[in-house]
Amino acid sequence: MYVSDANNDIWSSRHRTSPGDVVYCREAPFGMAAIVPAGFYPCLGQRIMVARPNQDLVTTRFLWSALNSPFAFRQAKRVAVGATVKHLRVLDVEALEIPVPPLAFQKEFSRISDRLAALQSSYSGSLDSAEEASSSLTQRAFRGEL
């Protein structure tokens, strides 16, 4: 669903997301984090939290990875509430125990993680191209064009 810029301005008057913010889902499904990319200003729903990491203490990529880790998810699962749809309370998310290594380690982790994400994206694009070529070749073969 898309929300107009005017409505987003009203609904986000207390806090407008910025590139590099980490958003965290507290329901359906809970326990998933994402980094806000450049040029994208999501309108956050009721069960979404946002964090703007203090880069002097924690890198965005490290916080994102830590929140998506099995270690954090196990903690979240233990405190999730709700009979039909499990969700997390804000205080429970704030109480997640995330070990924070020295900033130098986080920066190296972030550098490697960013490089892996770029490689994955490149390989994914190559795979898509290969699948398109294969599909095209198969179609031409069935039409007797080969």
Protein backbone atom coordinates (compact mmCIF):
# COMPACT_ATOMS: atom_id res chain seq x y z
CA MET A 1 0.00 0.00 0.00
CA TYR A 2 1.24 3.46 -0.82
CA VAL A 3 0.60 6.51 1.34
CA SER A 4 0.67 10.03 -0.06
CA ASP A 5 3.55 12.27 0.98
CA ALA A 6 1.06 14.58 2.72
CA ASN A 7 -0.37 11.74 4.83
CA ASN A 8 3.11 10.38 5.54
CA ASP A 9 4.15 13.83 6.79
CA ILE A 10 1.17 13.89 9.16
CA TRP A 11 1.52 10.30 10.36
CA SER A 12 5.29 10.62 10.73
CA SER A 13 5.28 14.00 12.45
CA ARG A 14 6.99 12.62 15.58
CA HIS A 15 9.73 10.87 13.63
CA ARG A 16 10.52 10.69 9.94
CA THR A 17 12.74 7.80 8.94
CA SER A 18 16.07 8.47 7.30
CA PRO A 19 18.39 6.29 5.24
CA GLY A 20 20.36 4.07 7.61
CA ASP A 21 17.61 3.82 10.23
CA VAL A 22 16.81 0.29 11.35
CA VAL A 23 13.13 -0.68 11.41
CA TYR A 24 11.98 -3.65 13.47
CA CYS A 25 8.69 -5.51 13.13
CA ARG A 26 6.90 -6.35 16.36
CA GLU A 27 4.07 -8.37 14.76
CA ALA A 28 3.15 -10.56 11.80
CA PRO A 29 5.88 -11.67 11.64
CA PHE A 30 7.70 -10.31 14.63
CA GLY A 31 11.47 -10.24 14.95
CA MET A 32 12.48 -9.00 11.51
CA ALA A 33 14.65 -5.93 10.98
CA ALA A 34 15.48 -3.94 7.86
CA ILE A 35 17.68 -0.98 6.98
CA VAL A 36 15.95 2.00 5.38
CA PRO A 37 17.64 2.49 1.99
CA ALA A 38 18.54 5.86 0.51
CA GLY A 39 15.63 7.65 -1.15
CA PHE A 40 12.96 5.59 0.61
CA TYR A 41 10.80 7.05 3.37
CA PRO A 42 8.49 4.35 4.70
CA CYS A 43 5.32 5.17 6.57
CA LEU A 44 5.65 3.10 9.70
CA GLY A 45 2.71 1.09 10.98
CA GLN A 46 1.65 0.64 14.58
CA ARG A 47 3.72 -2.51 15.18
CA ILE A 48 6.96 -1.19 13.68
CA MET A 49 9.77 0.34 15.69
CA VAL A 50 12.58 2.46 14.33
CA ALA A 51 16.10 3.02 15.65
CA ARG A 52 18.65 5.53 14.46
CA PRO A 53 21.94 3.99 15.59
CA ASN A 54 24.49 6.26 17.24
CA GLN A 55 27.39 5.55 14.86
CA ASP A 56 29.88 6.25 17.68
CA LEU A 57 28.53 3.16 19.48
CA VAL A 58 27.05 0.78 16.92
CA THR A 59 27.05 0.50 13.13
CA THR A 60 23.77 0.26 11.27
CA ARG A 61 24.74 -3.01 9.58
CA PHE A 62 25.80 -4.60 12.89
CA LEU A 63 22.55 -3.60 14.65
CA TRP A 64 20.49 -4.88 11.71
CA SER A 65 22.37 -8.18 11.71
CA ALA A 66 22.15 -8.57 15.48
CA LEU A 67 18.38 -7.97 15.49
CA ASN A 68 17.95 -10.57 12.71
CA SER A 69 20.15 -13.12 14.47
CA PRO A 70 18.81 -16.39 15.93
CA PHE A 71 20.14 -15.18 19.31
CA ALA A 72 17.84 -12.11 19.30
CA PHE A 73 14.92 -14.06 17.79
CA ARG A 74 15.05 -16.68 20.57
CA GLN A 75 14.81 -13.87 23.13
CA ALA A 76 11.91 -12.28 21.25
CA LYS A 77 10.11 -15.61 20.97
CA ARG A 78 10.28 -16.12 24.75
CA VAL A 79 8.55 -12.80 25.48
CA ALA A 80 6.06 -12.65 22.57
CA VAL A 81 2.45 -12.33 23.70
CA GLY A 82 -0.93 -12.90 22.06
CA ALA A 83 -3.29 -15.82 21.67
CA THR A 84 -3.85 -15.68 17.92
CA VAL A 85 -1.10 -13.48 16.54
CA LYS A 86 2.05 -13.24 18.59
CA HIS A 87 3.57 -9.79 18.98
CA LEU A 88 6.22 -8.01 21.00
CA ARG A 89 5.71 -5.11 23.37
CA VAL A 90 7.98 -2.09 22.93
CA LEU A 91 9.55 -2.62 26.36
CA ASP A 92 10.34 -6.23 25.49
CA VAL A 93 12.12 -5.18 22.31
CA GLU A 94 14.06 -2.53 24.20
CA ALA A 95 15.08 -5.22 26.72
CA LEU A 96 16.62 -7.55 24.10
CA GLU A 97 20.18 -8.28 25.15
CA ILE A 98 22.41 -7.61 22.17
CA PRO A 99 26.14 -8.00 22.81
CA VAL A 100 27.97 -5.01 21.34
CA PRO A 101 31.60 -5.66 20.40
CA PRO A 102 34.16 -2.88 19.99
CA LEU A 103 33.40 -0.42 17.21
CA ALA A 104 36.46 -1.45 15.18
CA PHE A 105 35.11 -5.02 15.02
CA GLN A 106 31.65 -3.77 14.03
CA LYS A 107 33.10 -1.63 11.24
CA GLU A 108 35.07 -4.59 9.88
CA PHE A 109 31.97 -6.79 10.16
CA SER A 110 29.93 -4.13 8.35
CA ARG A 111 32.53 -3.79 5.59
CA ILE A 112 32.58 -7.56 4.99
CA SER A 113 28.78 -7.82 5.25
CA ASP A 114 28.29 -4.99 2.73
CA ARG A 115 30.73 -6.68 0.34
CA LEU A 116 28.88 -10.00 0.66
CA ALA A 117 25.55 -8.27 0.02
CA ALA A 118 26.98 -6.65 -3.13
CA LEU A 119 28.30 -10.01 -4.34
CA GLN A 120 24.96 -11.67 -3.61
CA SER A 121 23.14 -8.98 -5.56
CA SER A 122 25.55 -9.35 -8.47
CA TYR A 123 25.19 -13.14 -8.52
CA SER A 124 21.43 -12.86 -8.22
CA GLY A 125 21.36 -10.54 -11.24
CA SER A 126 23.55 -12.94 -13.18
CA LEU A 127 21.29 -15.84 -12.26
CA ASP A 128 18.22 -13.88 -13.38
CA SER A 129 19.92 -13.16 -16.72
CA ALA A 130 20.87 -16.82 -17.15
CA GLU A 131 17.31 -17.94 -16.37
CA GLU A 132 15.90 -15.43 -18.88
CA ALA A 133 18.35 -16.65 -21.56
CA SER A 134 17.45 -20.28 -20.81
CA SER A 135 13.74 -19.53 -20.99
CA SER A 136 14.17 -17.67 -24.27
CA LEU A 137 16.24 -20.51 -25.70
CA THR A 138 13.63 -23.08 -24.64
CA GLN A 139 10.81 -21.06 -26.21
CA ARG A 140 12.75 -20.73 -29.47
CA ALA A 141 13.43 -24.48 -29.47
CA PHE A 142 9.72 -25.31 -29.04
CA ARG A 143 8.83 -22.93 -31.86
CA GLY A 144 11.37 -24.74 -34.09
CA GLU A 145 13.57 -21.68 -34.48
CA LEU A 146 16.78 -23.50 -33.56
